[in-house]
């Protein structure tokens, strides 16, 4: 049976098209509204910091993980970096 002849396929395709159109537009709209409103209030910098803090924390967490993967100690010392420990094992 052809895909467009199936009612469930058409329904799911329509739902995906709605998601594709509505979600980015709504996120952009609400983000712009929040940006304009926090720019006008006196505690706007605090609000922006609280909004962007989870983003910064995830970058810090990722950098710590990558540091542990690539950690290198000098020759003759035990390697604690995951990648260097694997290379040294072989």
N, C-alpha and C. Protein backbone atom coordinates (compact mmCIF):
# COMPACT_ATOMS: atom_id res chain seq x y z
N UNK A 1 0.85 -1.18 0.00
CA UNK A 1 0.00 0.00 0.00
C UNK A 1 0.89 1.24 0.00
N UNK A 2 0.48 2.23 -0.71
CA UNK A 2 1.25 3.46 -0.85
C UNK A 2 1.15 4.29 0.43
N UNK A 3 2.21 4.95 0.83
CA UNK A 3 2.27 5.63 2.12
C UNK A 3 1.21 6.72 2.25
N UNK A 4 1.02 7.52 1.20
CA UNK A 4 0.07 8.62 1.31
C UNK A 4 -1.38 8.14 1.31
N UNK A 5 -1.61 6.90 0.98
CA UNK A 5 -2.95 6.34 1.04
C UNK A 5 -3.35 5.92 2.44
N UNK A 6 -2.37 5.82 3.32
CA UNK A 6 -2.62 5.40 4.70
C UNK A 6 -3.01 6.61 5.55
N UNK A 7 -4.13 6.51 6.23
CA UNK A 7 -4.62 7.63 7.04
C UNK A 7 -3.68 7.96 8.19
N UNK A 8 -3.13 6.95 8.85
CA UNK A 8 -2.22 7.18 9.97
C UNK A 8 -0.95 7.90 9.51
N UNK A 9 -0.47 7.54 8.32
CA UNK A 9 0.72 8.22 7.79
C UNK A 9 0.43 9.69 7.54
N UNK A 10 -0.72 9.98 6.94
CA UNK A 10 -1.07 11.38 6.67
C UNK A 10 -1.23 12.17 7.96
N UNK A 11 -1.81 11.55 8.97
CA UNK A 11 -1.97 12.23 10.27
C UNK A 11 -0.62 12.51 10.90
N UNK A 12 0.27 11.53 10.88
CA UNK A 12 1.59 11.75 11.48
C UNK A 12 2.40 12.75 10.66
N UNK A 13 2.25 12.75 9.35
CA UNK A 13 2.94 13.73 8.51
C UNK A 13 2.44 15.14 8.82
N UNK A 14 1.14 15.30 8.95
CA UNK A 14 0.57 16.60 9.29
C UNK A 14 1.05 17.06 10.67
N UNK A 15 1.09 16.15 11.63
CA UNK A 15 1.59 16.50 12.97
C UNK A 15 3.04 16.95 12.91
N UNK A 16 3.86 16.28 12.11
CA UNK A 16 5.26 16.68 11.98
C UNK A 16 5.41 18.03 11.31
N UNK A 17 4.58 18.31 10.31
CA UNK A 17 4.64 19.61 9.64
C UNK A 17 4.23 20.72 10.61
N UNK A 18 3.20 20.45 11.41
CA UNK A 18 2.79 21.44 12.42
C UNK A 18 3.91 21.68 13.41
N UNK A 19 4.53 20.60 13.90
CA UNK A 19 5.67 20.75 14.81
C UNK A 19 6.77 21.57 14.17
N UNK A 20 7.06 21.28 12.92
CA UNK A 20 8.13 21.97 12.21
C UNK A 20 7.84 23.45 12.04
N UNK A 21 6.59 23.81 11.88
CA UNK A 21 6.24 25.22 11.68
C UNK A 21 6.03 25.96 13.00
N UNK A 22 5.37 25.33 13.95
CA UNK A 22 4.95 26.03 15.16
C UNK A 22 6.06 26.15 16.19
N UNK A 23 6.78 25.08 16.45
CA UNK A 23 7.75 25.09 17.55
C UNK A 23 8.88 26.09 17.33
N UNK A 24 9.56 26.12 16.18
CA UNK A 24 10.61 27.15 16.02
C UNK A 24 10.06 28.57 16.07
N UNK A 25 8.88 28.79 15.48
CA UNK A 25 8.30 30.13 15.51
C UNK A 25 7.93 30.53 16.94
N UNK A 26 7.35 29.61 17.70
CA UNK A 26 6.97 29.92 19.08
C UNK A 26 8.20 30.15 19.95
N UNK A 27 9.23 29.33 19.77
CA UNK A 27 10.46 29.52 20.57
C UNK A 27 11.11 30.86 20.25
N UNK A 28 11.14 31.21 18.99
CA UNK A 28 11.72 32.50 18.61
C UNK A 28 10.89 33.65 19.16
N UNK A 29 9.58 33.55 19.04
CA UNK A 29 8.69 34.60 19.53
C UNK A 29 8.83 34.79 21.04
N UNK A 30 8.73 33.70 21.80
CA UNK A 30 8.82 33.82 23.25
C UNK A 30 10.22 34.21 23.71
N UNK A 31 11.24 33.75 23.01
CA UNK A 31 12.60 34.18 23.33
C UNK A 31 12.79 35.66 23.12
N UNK A 32 12.23 36.19 22.04
CA UNK A 32 12.31 37.62 21.76
C UNK A 32 11.55 38.42 22.81
N UNK A 33 10.38 37.95 23.18
CA UNK A 33 9.59 38.63 24.22
C UNK A 33 10.36 38.65 25.55
N UNK A 34 10.94 37.53 25.93
CA UNK A 34 11.71 37.47 27.18
C UNK A 34 12.92 38.40 27.11
N UNK A 35 13.59 38.43 25.96
CA UNK A 35 14.76 39.30 25.81
C UNK A 35 14.37 40.77 25.94
N UNK A 36 13.27 41.16 25.32
CA UNK A 36 12.84 42.56 25.39
C UNK A 36 12.40 42.91 26.81
N UNK A 37 11.66 42.02 27.45
CA UNK A 37 11.19 42.31 28.81
C UNK A 37 12.33 42.36 29.82
N UNK A 38 13.30 41.47 29.71
CA UNK A 38 14.41 41.49 30.67
C UNK A 38 15.35 42.65 30.40
N UNK A 39 15.30 43.22 29.22
CA UNK A 39 16.13 44.38 28.93
C UNK A 39 15.57 45.64 29.58
N UNK A 40 14.27 45.65 29.84
CA UNK A 40 13.61 46.84 30.37
C UNK A 40 13.57 46.89 31.89
N UNK A 41 13.81 45.78 32.56
CA UNK A 41 13.71 45.77 34.03
C UNK A 41 15.09 45.92 34.65
N UNK A 42 15.11 46.40 35.89
CA UNK A 42 16.39 46.70 36.54
C UNK A 42 17.16 45.44 36.90
N UNK A 43 16.48 44.33 37.14
CA UNK A 43 17.17 43.10 37.49
C UNK A 43 17.30 42.17 36.29
N UNK A 44 17.33 42.77 35.10
CA UNK A 44 17.41 41.99 33.86
C UNK A 44 18.68 41.17 33.73
N UNK A 45 19.81 41.73 34.19
CA UNK A 45 21.06 40.97 34.09
C UNK A 45 21.02 39.73 34.98
N UNK A 46 20.37 39.83 36.13
CA UNK A 46 20.24 38.66 37.00
C UNK A 46 19.36 37.61 36.33
N UNK A 47 18.27 38.05 35.72
CA UNK A 47 17.37 37.12 35.04
C UNK A 47 18.08 36.44 33.88
N UNK A 48 18.85 37.21 33.10
CA UNK A 48 19.59 36.62 31.99
C UNK A 48 20.62 35.63 32.48
N UNK A 49 21.27 35.95 33.59
CA UNK A 49 22.26 35.02 34.16
C UNK A 49 21.60 33.71 34.58
N UNK A 50 20.43 33.81 35.20
CA UNK A 50 19.73 32.60 35.62
C UNK A 50 19.24 31.78 34.43
N UNK A 51 18.88 32.46 33.35
CA UNK A 51 18.42 31.75 32.16
C UNK A 51 19.58 31.02 31.48
N UNK A 52 20.75 31.68 31.40
CA UNK A 52 21.88 31.09 30.68
C UNK A 52 22.80 30.24 31.55
N UNK A 53 22.59 30.21 32.86
CA UNK A 53 23.44 29.44 33.75
C UNK A 53 23.46 27.94 33.42
N UNK A 54 22.33 27.30 33.16
CA UNK A 54 22.39 25.87 32.81
C UNK A 54 23.22 25.60 31.55
N UNK A 55 23.20 26.51 30.60
CA UNK A 55 24.00 26.35 29.39
C UNK A 55 25.48 26.39 29.73
N UNK A 56 25.89 27.32 30.57
CA UNK A 56 27.30 27.43 30.95
C UNK A 56 27.74 26.23 31.77
N UNK A 57 26.88 25.75 32.64
CA UNK A 57 27.23 24.60 33.47
C UNK A 57 27.44 23.36 32.61
N UNK A 58 26.64 23.18 31.58
CA UNK A 58 26.82 22.01 30.72
C UNK A 58 28.15 22.09 29.97
N UNK A 59 28.58 23.30 29.56
CA UNK A 59 29.88 23.43 28.91
C UNK A 59 31.01 23.11 29.88
N UNK A 60 30.87 23.53 31.13
CA UNK A 60 31.89 23.23 32.14
C UNK A 60 31.95 21.72 32.38
N UNK A 61 30.81 21.09 32.49
CA UNK A 61 30.78 19.63 32.68
C UNK A 61 31.41 18.89 31.52
N UNK A 62 31.10 19.32 30.31
CA UNK A 62 31.69 18.67 29.13
C UNK A 62 33.19 18.88 29.09
N UNK A 63 33.65 20.06 29.46
CA UNK A 63 35.10 20.31 29.43
C UNK A 63 35.83 19.47 30.47
N UNK A 64 35.22 19.25 31.63
CA UNK A 64 35.84 18.39 32.64
C UNK A 64 35.93 16.95 32.14
N UNK A 65 34.88 16.48 31.50
CA UNK A 65 34.90 15.12 30.95
C UNK A 65 35.99 14.98 29.90
N UNK A 66 36.09 15.94 28.97
CA UNK A 66 37.13 15.86 27.94
C UNK A 66 38.52 15.98 28.55
N UNK A 67 38.66 16.75 29.62
CA UNK A 67 39.96 16.85 30.29
C UNK A 67 40.37 15.49 30.84
N UNK A 68 39.44 14.75 31.43
CA UNK A 68 39.76 13.42 31.95
C UNK A 68 40.09 12.45 30.82
N UNK A 69 39.50 12.62 29.68
CA UNK A 69 39.79 11.72 28.56
C UNK A 69 41.20 11.97 28.03
N UNK A 70 41.60 13.23 27.92
CA UNK A 70 42.89 13.56 27.31
C UNK A 70 43.99 13.86 28.32
N UNK A 71 43.76 13.65 29.62
CA UNK A 71 44.76 13.96 30.64
C UNK A 71 46.07 13.21 30.36
N UNK A 72 47.17 13.95 30.32
CA UNK A 72 48.48 13.34 30.05
C UNK A 72 49.44 13.68 31.18
N UNK A 73 50.13 12.68 31.64
CA UNK A 73 51.20 12.88 32.61
C UNK A 73 52.50 12.49 31.92
N UNK A 74 53.58 12.98 32.43
CA UNK A 74 54.88 12.75 31.81
C UNK A 74 55.25 11.28 31.74
N UNK A 75 56.33 11.00 31.00
CA UNK A 75 56.79 9.63 30.82
C UNK A 75 57.17 9.03 32.17
N UNK A 76 56.84 7.77 32.36
CA UNK A 76 57.16 7.08 33.60
C UNK A 76 56.09 7.22 34.67
N UNK A 77 55.11 8.08 34.47
CA UNK A 77 54.03 8.25 35.45
C UNK A 77 52.79 7.50 34.96
N UNK A 78 51.96 7.14 35.90
CA UNK A 78 50.72 6.47 35.55
C UNK A 78 49.80 7.43 34.80
N UNK A 79 49.31 6.97 33.66
CA UNK A 79 48.41 7.80 32.86
C UNK A 79 46.99 7.67 33.40
N UNK A 80 46.38 8.79 33.70
CA UNK A 80 45.01 8.76 34.21
C UNK A 80 43.99 9.12 33.13
N UNK A 81 44.45 9.68 32.02
CA UNK A 81 43.54 9.98 30.93
C UNK A 81 43.09 8.70 30.25
N UNK A 82 41.82 8.60 29.97
CA UNK A 82 41.27 7.38 29.39
C UNK A 82 41.93 7.04 28.07
N UNK A 83 42.06 8.01 27.20
CA UNK A 83 42.65 7.76 25.88
C UNK A 83 44.12 7.38 26.00
N UNK A 84 44.87 8.10 26.83
CA UNK A 84 46.29 7.79 27.00
C UNK A 84 46.49 6.45 27.69
N UNK A 85 45.62 6.09 28.62
CA UNK A 85 45.73 4.79 29.29
C UNK A 85 45.51 3.66 28.30
N UNK A 86 44.57 3.83 27.40
CA UNK A 86 44.32 2.80 26.38
C UNK A 86 45.51 2.68 25.44
N UNK A 87 46.04 3.81 25.00
CA UNK A 87 47.20 3.80 24.10
C UNK A 87 48.39 3.17 24.80
N UNK A 88 48.62 3.49 26.05
CA UNK A 88 49.76 2.96 26.78
C UNK A 88 49.60 1.45 27.01
N UNK A 89 48.38 0.98 27.16
CA UNK A 89 48.14 -0.44 27.38
C UNK A 89 48.59 -1.26 26.18
N UNK A 90 48.37 -0.74 24.99
CA UNK A 90 48.76 -1.46 23.78
C UNK A 90 50.12 -0.99 23.38
